[in-house]
Amino acid sequence: MAVGTSERPEILAVGPLEIAPDEHLARADGHALTLSIRELRLLTELARRADRIVSREELFELVWERAMRVGDRSVDVYVRKLRVKLEVALPEWEFIHTHFGFGYRLAAESRTSPAGR
């Protein structure tokens, strides 16, 4: 009898955000987001490294699959686009955090957390 290996599709969850890279889909509270291929790839790579600071250079190499040229701002442009789309879909949450001089970190943080936290 052959033993079948049933691989589950990769599902990345960060708070109310869910990314299914194999399906080329991201959902915010269950609703599909309209993302470009690069936006989805950037979000996927950040989600795979959730709660870790990822350098712009590493993100560029993962998403664009080549070395980043000096002065290239592509990662920053796509992060800004993603932030806008995530803000519209889930205004009560903040996802992409900038760590100046280091890179970006993906973590779901409520904008409505109680005072004193």
PDB file of N, CA and C in Angstrom:
ATOM      1  N   MET A   1       0.842  -1.169   0.000  1.00  0.00           N
ATOM      2  CA  MET A   1       0.000   0.000   0.000  1.00  0.00           C
ATOM      3  C   MET A   1       0.887   1.231   0.000  1.00  0.00           C
ATOM      4  N   ALA A   2       0.658   2.123  -0.945  1.00  0.00           N
ATOM      5  CA  ALA A   2       1.444   3.348  -1.035  1.00  0.00           C
ATOM      6  C   ALA A   2       0.908   4.372  -0.047  1.00  0.00           C
ATOM      7  N   VAL A   3       1.842   4.998   0.609  1.00  0.00           N
ATOM      8  CA  VAL A   3       1.457   6.026   1.566  1.00  0.00           C
ATOM      9  C   VAL A   3       1.527   7.370   0.851  1.00  0.00           C
ATOM     10  N   GLY A   4       0.404   8.039   0.777  1.00  0.00           N
ATOM     11  CA  GLY A   4       0.358   9.330   0.094  1.00  0.00           C
ATOM     12  C   GLY A   4       0.748  10.446   1.049  1.00  0.00           C
ATOM     13  N   THR A   5       1.514  11.372   0.528  1.00  0.00           N
ATOM     14  CA  THR A   5       1.857  12.536   1.334  1.00  0.00           C
ATOM     15  C   THR A   5       0.985  13.678   0.854  1.00  0.00           C
ATOM     16  N   SER A   6       0.126  14.084   1.712  1.00  0.00           N
ATOM     17  CA  SER A   6      -0.779  15.158   1.330  1.00  0.00           C
ATOM     18  C   SER A   6      -0.220  16.459   1.884  1.00  0.00           C
ATOM     19  N   GLU A   7       0.346  17.249   0.993  1.00  0.00           N
ATOM     20  CA  GLU A   7       0.906  18.523   1.411  1.00  0.00           C
ATOM     21  C   GLU A   7      -0.210  19.546   1.488  1.00  0.00           C
ATOM     22  N   ARG A   8      -0.286  20.207   2.629  1.00  0.00           N
ATOM     23  CA  ARG A   8      -1.279  21.263   2.799  1.00  0.00           C
ATOM     24  C   ARG A   8      -0.747  22.530   2.159  1.00  0.00           C
ATOM     25  N   PRO A   9      -1.635  23.301   1.551  1.00  0.00           N
ATOM     26  CA  PRO A   9      -1.178  24.565   0.983  1.00  0.00           C
ATOM     27  C   PRO A   9      -0.728  25.506   2.103  1.00  0.00           C
ATOM     28  N   GLU A  10       0.264  26.305   1.800  1.00  0.00           N
ATOM     29  CA  GLU A  10       0.798  27.252   2.778  1.00  0.00           C
ATOM     30  C   GLU A  10      -0.227  28.359   3.037  1.00  0.00           C
ATOM     31  N   ILE A  11      -0.553  28.558   4.304  1.00  0.00           N
ATOM     32  CA  ILE A  11      -1.443  29.642   4.727  1.00  0.00           C
ATOM     33  C   ILE A  11      -0.697  30.419   5.803  1.00  0.00           C
ATOM     34  N   LEU A  12      -0.515  31.705   5.571  1.00  0.00           N
ATOM     35  CA  LEU A  12       0.185  32.569   6.520  1.00  0.00           C
ATOM     36  C   LEU A  12      -0.836  33.499   7.159  1.00  0.00           C
ATOM     37  N   ALA A  13      -0.901  33.483   8.472  1.00  0.00           N
ATOM     38  CA  ALA A  13      -1.864  34.332   9.173  1.00  0.00           C
ATOM     39  C   ALA A  13      -1.127  35.320  10.063  1.00  0.00           C
ATOM     40  N   VAL A  14      -1.506  36.586   9.922  1.00  0.00           N
ATOM     41  CA  VAL A  14      -0.963  37.664  10.755  1.00  0.00           C
ATOM     42  C   VAL A  14      -2.162  38.483  11.212  1.00  0.00           C
ATOM     43  N   GLY A  15      -2.613  38.219  12.437  1.00  0.00           N
ATOM     44  CA  GLY A  15      -3.830  38.868  12.915  1.00  0.00           C
ATOM     45  C   GLY A  15      -4.989  38.518  11.987  1.00  0.00           C
ATOM     46  N   PRO A  16      -5.792  39.513  11.579  1.00  0.00           N
ATOM     47  CA  PRO A  16      -6.938  39.254  10.704  1.00  0.00           C
ATOM     48  C   PRO A  16      -6.552  39.157   9.221  1.00  0.00           C
ATOM     49  N   LEU A  17      -5.270  39.113   8.954  1.00  0.00           N
ATOM     50  CA  LEU A  17      -4.758  39.027   7.587  1.00  0.00           C
ATOM     51  C   LEU A  17      -4.326  37.593   7.318  1.00  0.00           C
ATOM     52  N   GLU A  18      -4.761  37.052   6.175  1.00  0.00           N
ATOM     53  CA  GLU A  18      -4.422  35.687   5.801  1.00  0.00           C
ATOM     54  C   GLU A  18      -3.892  35.691   4.371  1.00  0.00           C
ATOM     55  N   ILE A  19      -2.733  35.054   4.171  1.00  0.00           N
ATOM     56  CA  ILE A  19      -2.116  35.005   2.849  1.00  0.00           C
ATOM     57  C   ILE A  19      -1.994  33.545   2.437  1.00  0.00           C
ATOM     58  N   ALA A  20      -2.476  33.248   1.221  1.00  0.00           N
ATOM     59  CA  ALA A  20      -2.381  31.905   0.649  1.00  0.00           C
ATOM     60  C   ALA A  20      -1.554  32.032  -0.636  1.00  0.00           C
ATOM     61  N   PRO A  21      -0.213  31.953  -0.516  1.00  0.00           N
ATOM     62  CA  PRO A  21       0.654  32.172  -1.687  1.00  0.00           C
ATOM     63  C   PRO A  21       0.359  31.233  -2.853  1.00  0.00           C
ATOM     64  N   ASP A  22       0.042  29.976  -2.556  1.00  0.00           N
ATOM     65  CA  ASP A  22      -0.218  29.007  -3.628  1.00  0.00           C
ATOM     66  C   ASP A  22      -1.481  29.354  -4.415  1.00  0.00           C
ATOM     67  N   GLU A  23      -2.394  30.060  -3.771  1.00  0.00           N
ATOM     68  CA  GLU A  23      -3.643  30.476  -4.427  1.00  0.00           C
ATOM     69  C   GLU A  23      -3.545  31.898  -4.978  1.00  0.00           C
ATOM     70  N   HIS A  24      -2.390  32.552  -4.751  1.00  0.00           N
ATOM     71  CA  HIS A  24      -2.190  33.955  -5.165  1.00  0.00           C
ATOM     72  C   HIS A  24      -3.290  34.833  -4.582  1.00  0.00           C
ATOM     73  N   LEU A  25      -3.492  34.674  -3.256  1.00  0.00           N
ATOM     74  CA  LEU A  25      -4.612  35.335  -2.613  1.00  0.00           C
ATOM     75  C   LEU A  25      -4.233  35.821  -1.222  1.00  0.00           C
ATOM     76  N   ALA A  26      -4.721  37.003  -0.894  1.00  0.00           N
ATOM     77  CA  ALA A  26      -4.609  37.531   0.466  1.00  0.00           C
ATOM     78  C   ALA A  26      -5.998  37.972   0.885  1.00  0.00           C
ATOM     79  N   ARG A  27      -6.349  37.693   2.135  1.00  0.00           N
ATOM     80  CA  ARG A  27      -7.670  38.054   2.652  1.00  0.00           C
ATOM     81  C   ARG A  27      -7.519  38.908   3.898  1.00  0.00           C
ATOM     82  N   ALA A  28      -8.391  39.910   4.002  1.00  0.00           N
ATOM     83  CA  ALA A  28      -8.470  40.752   5.182  1.00  0.00           C
ATOM     84  C   ALA A  28      -9.835  40.503   5.799  1.00  0.00           C
ATOM     85  N   ASP A  29      -9.858  39.930   6.988  1.00  0.00           N
ATOM     86  CA  ASP A  29     -11.125  39.554   7.629  1.00  0.00           C
ATOM     87  C   ASP A  29     -11.997  38.725   6.690  1.00  0.00           C
ATOM     88  N   GLY A  30     -11.371  37.830   5.913  1.00  0.00           N
ATOM     89  CA  GLY A  30     -12.103  36.951   5.015  1.00  0.00           C
ATOM     90  C   GLY A  30     -12.415  37.525   3.651  1.00  0.00           C
ATOM     91  N   HIS A  31     -12.150  38.812   3.439  1.00  0.00           N
ATOM     92  CA  HIS A  31     -12.423  39.449   2.149  1.00  0.00           C
ATOM     93  C   HIS A  31     -11.143  39.526   1.317  1.00  0.00           C
ATOM     94  N   ALA A  32     -11.221  39.109   0.069  1.00  0.00           N
ATOM     95  CA  ALA A  32     -10.050  39.106  -0.807  1.00  0.00           C
ATOM     96  C   ALA A  32      -9.544  40.527  -1.055  1.00  0.00           C
ATOM     97  N   LEU A  33      -8.226  40.663  -1.005  1.00  0.00           N
ATOM     98  CA  LEU A  33      -7.581  41.940  -1.316  1.00  0.00           C
ATOM     99  C   LEU A  33      -7.173  41.937  -2.781  1.00  0.00           C
ATOM    100  N   THR A  34      -7.243  43.092  -3.413  1.00  0.00           N
ATOM    101  CA  THR A  34      -6.780  43.219  -4.787  1.00  0.00           C
ATOM    102  C   THR A  34      -5.342  43.702  -4.742  1.00  0.00           C
ATOM    103  N   LEU A  35      -4.421  42.777  -4.989  1.00  0.00           N
ATOM    104  CA  LEU A  35      -3.001  43.089  -4.932  1.00  0.00           C
ATOM    105  C   LEU A  35      -2.324  42.726  -6.243  1.00  0.00           C
ATOM    106  N   SER A  36      -1.303  43.496  -6.604  1.00  0.00           N
ATOM    107  CA  SER A  36      -0.489  43.142  -7.765  1.00  0.00           C
ATOM    108  C   SER A  36       0.371  41.929  -7.381  1.00  0.00           C
ATOM    109  N   ILE A  37       0.982  41.322  -8.358  1.00  0.00           N
ATOM    110  CA  ILE A  37       1.840  40.159  -8.102  1.00  0.00           C
ATOM    111  C   ILE A  37       2.972  40.540  -7.155  1.00  0.00           C
ATOM    112  N   ARG A  38       3.618  41.677  -7.396  1.00  0.00           N
ATOM    113  CA  ARG A  38       4.728  42.105  -6.535  1.00  0.00           C
ATOM    114  C   ARG A  38       4.248  42.444  -5.120  1.00  0.00           C
ATOM    115  N   GLU A  39       3.090  43.081  -5.014  1.00  0.00           N
ATOM    116  CA  GLU A  39       2.549  43.386  -3.690  1.00  0.00           C
ATOM    117  C   GLU A  39       2.296  42.105  -2.912  1.00  0.00           C
ATOM    118  N   LEU A  40       1.704  41.115  -3.578  1.00  0.00           N
ATOM    119  CA  LEU A  40       1.433  39.840  -2.923  1.00  0.00           C
ATOM    120  C   LEU A  40       2.726  39.138  -2.529  1.00  0.00           C
ATOM    121  N   ARG A  41       3.718  39.168  -3.409  1.00  0.00           N
ATOM    122  CA  ARG A  41       4.998  38.516  -3.094  1.00  0.00           C
ATOM    123  C   ARG A  41       5.685  39.209  -1.921  1.00  0.00           C
ATOM    124  N   LEU A  42       5.632  40.541  -1.903  1.00  0.00           N
ATOM    125  CA  LEU A  42       6.232  41.287  -0.798  1.00  0.00           C
ATOM    126  C   LEU A  42       5.515  40.959   0.515  1.00  0.00           C
ATOM    127  N   LEU A  43       4.198  40.958   0.487  1.00  0.00           N
ATOM    128  CA  LEU A  43       3.417  40.634   1.672  1.00  0.00           C
ATOM    129  C   LEU A  43       3.700  39.201   2.128  1.00  0.00           C
ATOM    130  N   THR A  44       3.806  38.281   1.190  1.00  0.00           N
ATOM    131  CA  THR A  44       4.102  36.881   1.504  1.00  0.00           C
ATOM    132  C   THR A  44       5.452  36.746   2.193  1.00  0.00           C
ATOM    133  N   GLU A  45       6.476  37.389   1.635  1.00  0.00           N
ATOM    134  CA  GLU A  45       7.816  37.270   2.217  1.00  0.00           C
ATOM    135  C   GLU A  45       7.881  37.922   3.600  1.00  0.00           C
ATOM    136  N   LEU A  46       7.176  39.031   3.776  1.00  0.00           N
ATOM    137  CA  LEU A  46       7.110  39.636   5.109  1.00  0.00           C
ATOM    138  C   LEU A  46       6.381  38.709   6.083  1.00  0.00           C
ATOM    139  N   ALA A  47       5.289  38.090   5.621  1.00  0.00           N
ATOM    140  CA  ALA A  47       4.507  37.194   6.483  1.00  0.00           C
ATOM    141  C   ALA A  47       5.305  35.947   6.862  1.00  0.00           C
ATOM    142  N   ARG A  48       6.123  35.449   5.944  1.00  0.00           N
ATOM    143  CA  ARG A  48       6.957  34.286   6.250  1.00  0.00           C
ATOM    144  C   ARG A  48       7.994  34.627   7.328  1.00  0.00           C
ATOM    145  N   ARG A  49       8.254  35.897   7.494  1.00  0.00           N
ATOM    146  CA  ARG A  49       9.219  36.372   8.483  1.00  0.00           C
ATOM    147  C   ARG A  49       8.540  37.283   9.512  1.00  0.00           C
ATOM    148  N   ALA A  50       7.267  37.027   9.776  1.00  0.00           N
ATOM    149  CA  ALA A  50       6.471  37.869  10.682  1.00  0.00           C
ATOM    150  C   ALA A  50       7.196  38.089  11.998  1.00  0.00           C
ATOM    151  N   ASP A  51       7.063  39.315  12.502  1.00  0.00           N
ATOM    152  CA  ASP A  51       7.666  39.735  13.769  1.00  0.00           C
ATOM    153  C   ASP A  51       9.185  39.840  13.717  1.00  0.00           C
ATOM    154  N   ARG A  52       9.785  39.713  12.536  1.00  0.00           N
ATOM    155  CA  ARG A  52      11.226  39.905  12.385  1.00  0.00           C
ATOM    156  C   ARG A  52      11.466  41.106  11.476  1.00  0.00           C
ATOM    157  N   ILE A  53      12.500  41.863  11.764  1.00  0.00           N
ATOM    158  CA  ILE A  53      12.872  42.975  10.887  1.00  0.00           C
ATOM    159  C   ILE A  53      13.611  42.384   9.692  1.00  0.00           C
ATOM    160  N   VAL A  54      13.133  42.740   8.501  1.00  0.00           N
ATOM    161  CA  VAL A  54      13.732  42.249   7.259  1.00  0.00           C
ATOM    162  C   VAL A  54      14.280  43.456   6.518  1.00  0.00           C
ATOM    163  N   SER A  55      15.536  43.377   6.100  1.00  0.00           N
ATOM    164  CA  SER A  55      16.159  44.514   5.423  1.00  0.00           C
ATOM    165  C   SER A  55      15.533  44.733   4.046  1.00  0.00           C
ATOM    166  N   ARG A  56      15.613  45.962   3.564  1.00  0.00           N
ATOM    167  CA  ARG A  56      15.116  46.297   2.230  1.00  0.00           C
ATOM    168  C   ARG A  56      15.826  45.445   1.185  1.00  0.00           C
ATOM    169  N   GLU A  57      17.133  45.250   1.357  1.00  0.00           N
ATOM    170  CA  GLU A  57      17.923  44.470   0.395  1.00  0.00           C
ATOM    171  C   GLU A  57      17.447  43.023   0.331  1.00  0.00           C
ATOM    172  N   GLU A  58      17.197  42.432   1.508  1.00  0.00           N
ATOM    173  CA  GLU A  58      16.720  41.043   1.535  1.00  0.00           C
ATOM    174  C   GLU A  58      15.345  40.937   0.883  1.00  0.00           C
ATOM    175  N   LEU A  59      14.464  41.880   1.203  1.00  0.00           N
ATOM    176  CA  LEU A  59      13.133  41.868   0.587  1.00  0.00           C
ATOM    177  C   LEU A  59      13.230  42.000  -0.926  1.00  0.00           C
ATOM    178  N   PHE A  60      14.073  42.898  -1.393  1.00  0.00           N
ATOM    179  CA  PHE A  60      14.229  43.086  -2.833  1.00  0.00           C
ATOM    180  C   PHE A  60      14.686  41.781  -3.488  1.00  0.00           C
ATOM    181  N   GLU A  61      15.697  41.142  -2.902  1.00  0.00           N
ATOM    182  CA  GLU A  61      16.212  39.889  -3.489  1.00  0.00           C
ATOM    183  C   GLU A  61      15.164  38.784  -3.486  1.00  0.00           C
ATOM    184  N   LEU A  62      14.343  38.729  -2.443  1.00  0.00           N
ATOM    185  CA  LEU A  62      13.300  37.708  -2.366  1.00  0.00           C
ATOM    186  C   LEU A  62      12.183  37.952  -3.380  1.00  0.00           C
ATOM    187  N   VAL A  63      11.787  39.202  -3.552  1.00  0.00           N
ATOM    188  CA  VAL A  63      10.635  39.535  -4.391  1.00  0.00           C
ATOM    189  C   VAL A  63      11.030  39.719  -5.859  1.00  0.00           C
ATOM    190  N   TRP A  64      12.125  40.438  -6.102  1.00  0.00           N
ATOM    191  CA  TRP A  64      12.537  40.720  -7.481  1.00  0.00           C
ATOM    192  C   TRP A  64      13.537  39.689  -8.000  1.00  0.00           C
ATOM    193  N   GLU A  65      14.046  38.845  -7.115  1.00  0.00           N
ATOM    194  CA  GLU A  65      14.958  37.749  -7.457  1.00  0.00           C
ATOM    195  C   GLU A  65      16.227  38.222  -8.144  1.00  0.00           C
ATOM    196  N   ARG A  66      16.748  39.341  -7.678  1.00  0.00           N
ATOM    197  CA  ARG A  66      18.052  39.834  -8.128  1.00  0.00           C
ATOM    198  C   ARG A  66      18.557  40.803  -7.073  1.00  0.00           C
ATOM    199  N   ALA A  67      19.808  41.169  -7.184  1.00  0.00           N
ATOM    200  CA  ALA A  67      20.389  42.097  -6.215  1.00  0.00           C
ATOM    201  C   ALA A  67      19.828  43.503  -6.416  1.00  0.00           C
ATOM    202  N   MET A  68      19.683  44.211  -5.324  1.00  0.00           N
ATOM    203  CA  MET A  68      19.158  45.567  -5.371  1.00  0.00           C
ATOM    204  C   MET A  68      20.278  46.536  -5.752  1.00  0.00           C
ATOM    205  N   ARG A  69      19.960  47.437  -6.676  1.00  0.00           N
ATOM    206  CA  ARG A  69      20.936  48.461  -7.067  1.00  0.00           C
ATOM    207  C   ARG A  69      20.963  49.568  -6.025  1.00  0.00           C
ATOM    208  N   VAL A  70      22.080  50.225  -5.905  1.00  0.00           N
ATOM    209  CA  VAL A  70      22.222  51.349  -4.983  1.00  0.00           C
ATOM    210  C   VAL A  70      21.193  52.423  -5.347  1.00  0.00           C
ATOM    211  N   GLY A  71      20.493  52.906  -4.347  1.00  0.00           N
ATOM    212  CA  GLY A  71      19.516  53.969  -4.565  1.00  0.00           C
ATOM    213  C   GLY A  71      18.144  53.506  -5.012  1.00  0.00           C
ATOM    214  N   ASP A  72      17.967  52.198  -5.227  1.00  0.00           N
ATOM    215  CA  ASP A  72      16.664  51.682  -5.668  1.00  0.00           C
ATOM    216  C   ASP A  72      15.659  51.814  -4.525  1.00  0.00           C
ATOM    217  N   ARG A  73      14.500  52.383  -4.803  1.00  0.00           N
ATOM    218  CA  ARG A  73      13.462  52.604  -3.788  1.00  0.00           C
ATOM    219  C   ARG A  73      12.226  51.733  -4.023  1.00  0.00           C
ATOM    220  N   SER A  74      12.356  50.704  -4.847  1.00  0.00           N
ATOM    221  CA  SER A  74      11.214  49.853  -5.194  1.00  0.00           C
ATOM    222  C   SER A  74      10.530  49.255  -3.967  1.00  0.00           C
ATOM    223  N   VAL A  75      11.304  48.757  -3.022  1.00  0.00           N
ATOM    224  CA  VAL A  75      10.716  48.150  -1.828  1.00  0.00           C
ATOM    225  C   VAL A  75       9.869  49.183  -1.092  1.00  0.00           C
ATOM    226  N   ASP A  76      10.406  50.395  -0.939  1.00  0.00           N
ATOM    227  CA  ASP A  76       9.673  51.447  -0.224  1.00  0.00           C
ATOM    228  C   ASP A  76       8.370  51.802  -0.935  1.00  0.00           C
ATOM    229  N   VAL A  77       8.415  51.860  -2.260  1.00  0.00           N
ATOM    230  CA  VAL A  77       7.219  52.185  -3.051  1.00  0.00           C
ATOM    231  C   VAL A  77       6.153  51.113  -2.845  1.00  0.00           C
ATOM    232  N   TYR A  78       6.551  49.846  -2.909  1.00  0.00           N
ATOM    233  CA  TYR A  78       5.579  48.761  -2.758  1.00  0.00           C
ATOM    234  C   TYR A  78       5.087  48.628  -1.320  1.00  0.00           C
ATOM    235  N   VAL A  79       5.932  48.932  -0.353  1.00  0.00           N
ATOM    236  CA  VAL A  79       5.483  48.931   1.043  1.00  0.00           C
ATOM    237  C   VAL A  79       4.410  49.996   1.217  1.00  0.00           C
ATOM    238  N   ARG A  80       4.622  51.174   0.639  1.00  0.00           N
ATOM    239  CA  ARG A  80       3.636  52.252   0.744  1.00  0.00           C
ATOM    240  C   ARG A  80       2.312  51.826   0.115  1.00  0.00           C
ATOM    241  N   LYS A  81       2.364  51.200  -1.064  1.00  0.00           N
ATOM    242  CA  LYS A  81       1.139  50.729  -1.730  1.00  0.00           C
ATOM    243  C   LYS A  81       0.414  49.702  -0.861  1.00  0.00           C
ATOM    244  N   LEU A  82       1.165  48.772  -0.287  1.00  0.00           N
ATOM    245  CA  LEU A  82       0.562  47.754   0.583  1.00  0.00           C
ATOM    246  C   LEU A  82      -0.064  48.382   1.816  1.00  0.00           C
ATOM    247  N   ARG A  83       0.624  49.333   2.410  1.00  0.00           N
ATOM    248  CA  ARG A  83       0.085  50.003   3.603  1.00  0.00           C
ATOM    249  C   ARG A  83      -1.262  50.656   3.297  1.00  0.00           C
ATOM    250  N   VAL A  84      -1.349  51.326   2.159  1.00  0.00           N
ATOM    251  CA  VAL A  84      -2.605  51.990   1.780  1.00  0.00           C
ATOM    252  C   VAL A  84      -3.717  50.957   1.643  1.00  0.00           C
ATOM    253  N   LYS A  85      -3.464  49.867   0.939  1.00  0.00           N
ATOM    254  CA  LYS A  85      -4.486  48.842   0.721  1.00  0.00           C
ATOM    255  C   LYS A  85      -4.895  48.165   2.030  1.00  0.00           C
ATOM    256  N   LEU A  86      -3.923  47.901   2.890  1.00  0.00           N
ATOM    257  CA  LEU A  86      -4.238  47.281   4.184  1.00  0.00           C
ATOM    258  C   LEU A  86      -5.002  48.239   5.082  1.00  0.00           C
ATOM    259  N   GLU A  87      -4.658  49.519   5.031  1.00  0.00           N
ATOM    260  CA  GLU A  87      -5.357  50.544   5.820  1.00  0.00           C
ATOM    261  C   GLU A  87      -6.814  50.649   5.391  1.00  0.00           C
ATOM    262  N   VAL A  88      -7.064  50.588   4.090  1.00  0.00           N
ATOM    263  CA  VAL A  88      -8.439  50.659   3.583  1.00  0.00           C
ATOM    264  C   VAL A  88      -9.221  49.414   4.015  1.00  0.00           C
ATOM    265  N   ALA A  89      -8.597  48.240   3.907  1.00  0.00           N
ATOM    266  CA  ALA A  89      -9.277  46.987   4.228  1.00  0.00           C
ATOM    267  C   ALA A  89      -9.471  46.791   5.729  1.00  0.00           C
ATOM    268  N   LEU A  90      -8.484  47.183   6.509  1.00  0.00           N
ATOM    269  CA  LEU A  90      -8.514  46.963   7.958  1.00  0.00           C
ATOM    270  C   LEU A  90      -7.999  48.210   8.679  1.00  0.00           C
ATOM    271  N   PRO A  91      -8.797  49.272   8.708  1.00  0.00           N
ATOM    272  CA  PRO A  91      -8.321  50.541   9.266  1.00  0.00           C
ATOM    273  C   PRO A  91      -7.972  50.497  10.751  1.00  0.00           C
ATOM    274  N   GLU A  92      -8.493  49.518  11.464  1.00  0.00           N
ATOM    275  CA  GLU A  92      -8.214  49.438  12.891  1.00  0.00           C
ATOM    276  C   GLU A  92      -6.905  48.707  13.211  1.00  0.00           C
ATOM    277  N   TRP A  93      -6.209  48.268  12.170  1.00  0.00           N
ATOM    278  CA  TRP A  93      -4.962  47.519  12.339  1.00  0.00           C
ATOM    279  C   TRP A  93      -3.804  48.205  11.628  1.00  0.00           C
ATOM    280  N   GLU A  94      -2.619  48.019  12.178  1.00  0.00           N
ATOM    281  CA  GLU A  94      -1.391  48.451  11.523  1.00  0.00           C
ATOM    282  C   GLU A  94      -0.545  47.192  11.337  1.00  0.00           C
ATOM    283  N   PHE A  95      -0.018  47.009  10.134  1.00  0.00           N
ATOM    284  CA  PHE A  95       0.703  45.770   9.828  1.00  0.00           C
ATOM    285  C   PHE A  95       2.187  45.958   9.550  1.00  0.00           C
ATOM    286  N   ILE A  96       2.537  46.886   8.679  1.00  0.00           N
ATOM    287  CA  ILE A  96       3.929  47.015   8.249  1.00  0.00           C
ATOM    288  C   ILE A  96       4.577  48.156   9.034  1.00  0.00           C
ATOM    289  N   HIS A  97       5.602  47.802   9.784  1.00  0.00           N
ATOM    290  CA  HIS A  97       6.278  48.746  10.659  1.00  0.00           C
ATOM    291  C   HIS A  97       7.681  49.022  10.125  1.00  0.00           C
ATOM    292  N   THR A  98       8.042  50.288  10.060  1.00  0.00           N
ATOM    293  CA  THR A  98       9.357  50.687   9.580  1.00  0.00           C
ATOM    294  C   THR A  98      10.329  50.734  10.745  1.00  0.00           C
ATOM    295  N   HIS A  99      11.492  50.182  10.547  1.00  0.00           N
ATOM    296  CA  HIS A  99      12.587  50.269  11.504  1.00  0.00           C
ATOM    297  C   HIS A  99      13.715  50.986  10.766  1.00  0.00           C
ATOM    298  N   PHE A 100      13.751  52.306  10.953  1.00  0.00           N
ATOM    299  CA  PHE A 100      14.680  53.151  10.202  1.00  0.00           C
ATOM    300  C   PHE A 100      16.111  52.656  10.342  1.00  0.00           C
ATOM    301  N   GLY A 101      16.772  52.542   9.194  1.00  0.00           N
ATOM    302  CA  GLY A 101      18.148  52.067   9.169  1.00  0.00           C
ATOM    303  C   GLY A 101      18.269  50.556   9.171  1.00  0.00           C
ATOM    304  N   PHE A 102      17.135  49.848   9.364  1.00  0.00           N
ATOM    305  CA  PHE A 102      17.179  48.389   9.417  1.00  0.00           C
ATOM    306  C   PHE A 102      16.300  47.750   8.354  1.00  0.00           C
ATOM    307  N   GLY A 103      15.018  48.116   8.315  1.00  0.00           N
ATOM    308  CA  GLY A 103      14.114  47.505   7.341  1.00  0.00           C
ATOM    309  C   GLY A 103      12.676  47.579   7.802  1.00  0.00           C
ATOM    310  N   TYR A 104      11.918  46.536   7.454  1.00  0.00           N
ATOM    311  CA  TYR A 104      10.486  46.493   7.747  1.00  0.00           C
ATOM    312  C   TYR A 104      10.152  45.241   8.537  1.00  0.00           C
ATOM    313  N   ARG A 105       9.078  45.341   9.324  1.00  0.00           N
ATOM    314  CA  ARG A 105       8.600  44.204  10.114  1.00  0.00           C
ATOM    315  C   ARG A 105       7.091  44.099   9.948  1.00  0.00           C
ATOM    316  N   LEU A 106       6.592  42.884   9.740  1.00  0.00           N
ATOM    317  CA  LEU A 106       5.150  42.652   9.635  1.00  0.00           C
ATOM    318  C   LEU A 106       4.652  42.088  10.956  1.00  0.00           C
ATOM    319  N   ALA A 107       3.703  42.811  11.556  1.00  0.00           N
ATOM    320  CA  ALA A 107       3.058  42.357  12.789  1.00  0.00           C
ATOM    321  C   ALA A 107       1.722  43.057  12.893  1.00  0.00           C
ATOM    322  N   ALA A 108       0.688  42.332  13.267  1.00  0.00           N
ATOM    323  CA  ALA A 108      -0.644  42.915  13.422  1.00  0.00           C
ATOM    324  C   ALA A 108      -0.718  43.614  14.774  1.00  0.00           C
ATOM    325  N   GLU A 109      -0.878  44.922  14.724  1.00  0.00           N
ATOM    326  CA  GLU A 109      -1.010  45.705  15.954  1.00  0.00           C
ATOM    327  C   GLU A 109      -2.261  46.545  15.854  1.00  0.00           C
ATOM    328  N   SER A 110      -3.111  46.418  16.856  1.00  0.00           N
ATOM    329  CA  SER A 110      -4.375  47.154  16.876  1.00  0.00           C
ATOM    330  C   SER A 110      -4.117  48.638  17.109  1.00  0.00           C
ATOM    331  N   ARG A 111      -4.788  49.459  16.323  1.00  0.00           N
ATOM    332  CA  ARG A 111      -4.695  50.910  16.509  1.00  0.00           C
ATOM    333  C   ARG A 111      -5.589  51.348  17.666  1.00  0.00           C
ATOM    334  N   THR A 112      -6.469  50.469  18.109  1.00  0.00           N
ATOM    335  CA  THR A 112      -7.427  50.804  19.160  1.00  0.00           C
ATOM    336  C   THR A 112      -7.081  50.132  20.470  1.00  0.00           C
ATOM    337  N   SER A 113      -5.792  49.826  20.674  1.00  0.00           N
ATOM    338  CA  SER A 113      -5.409  49.174  21.932  1.00  0.00           C
ATOM    339  C   SER A 113      -5.635  50.139  23.086  1.00  0.00           C
ATOM    340  N   PRO A 114      -5.945  49.604  24.249  1.00  0.00           N
ATOM    341  CA  PRO A 114      -6.246  50.459  25.398  1.00  0.00           C
ATOM    342  C   PRO A 114      -5.054  51.356  25.757  1.00  0.00           C
ATOM    343  N   ALA A 115      -5.355  52.537  26.275  1.00  0.00           N
ATOM    344  CA  ALA A 115      -4.310  53.470  26.689  1.00  0.00           C
ATOM    345  C   ALA A 115      -3.458  52.804  27.779  1.00  0.00           C
ATOM    346  N   GLY A 116      -2.194  53.177  27.794  1.00  0.00           N
ATOM    347  CA  GLY A 116      -1.301  52.625  28.803  1.00  0.00           C
ATOM    348  C   GLY A 116      -0.577  51.376  28.361  1.00  0.00           C
ATOM    349  N   ARG A 117      -0.870  50.905  27.163  1.00  0.00           N
ATOM    350  CA  ARG A 117      -0.162  49.713  26.659  1.00  0.00           C
ATOM    351  C   ARG A 117       1.031  50.118  25.868  1.00  0.00           C
TER     352      ARG A 117
END
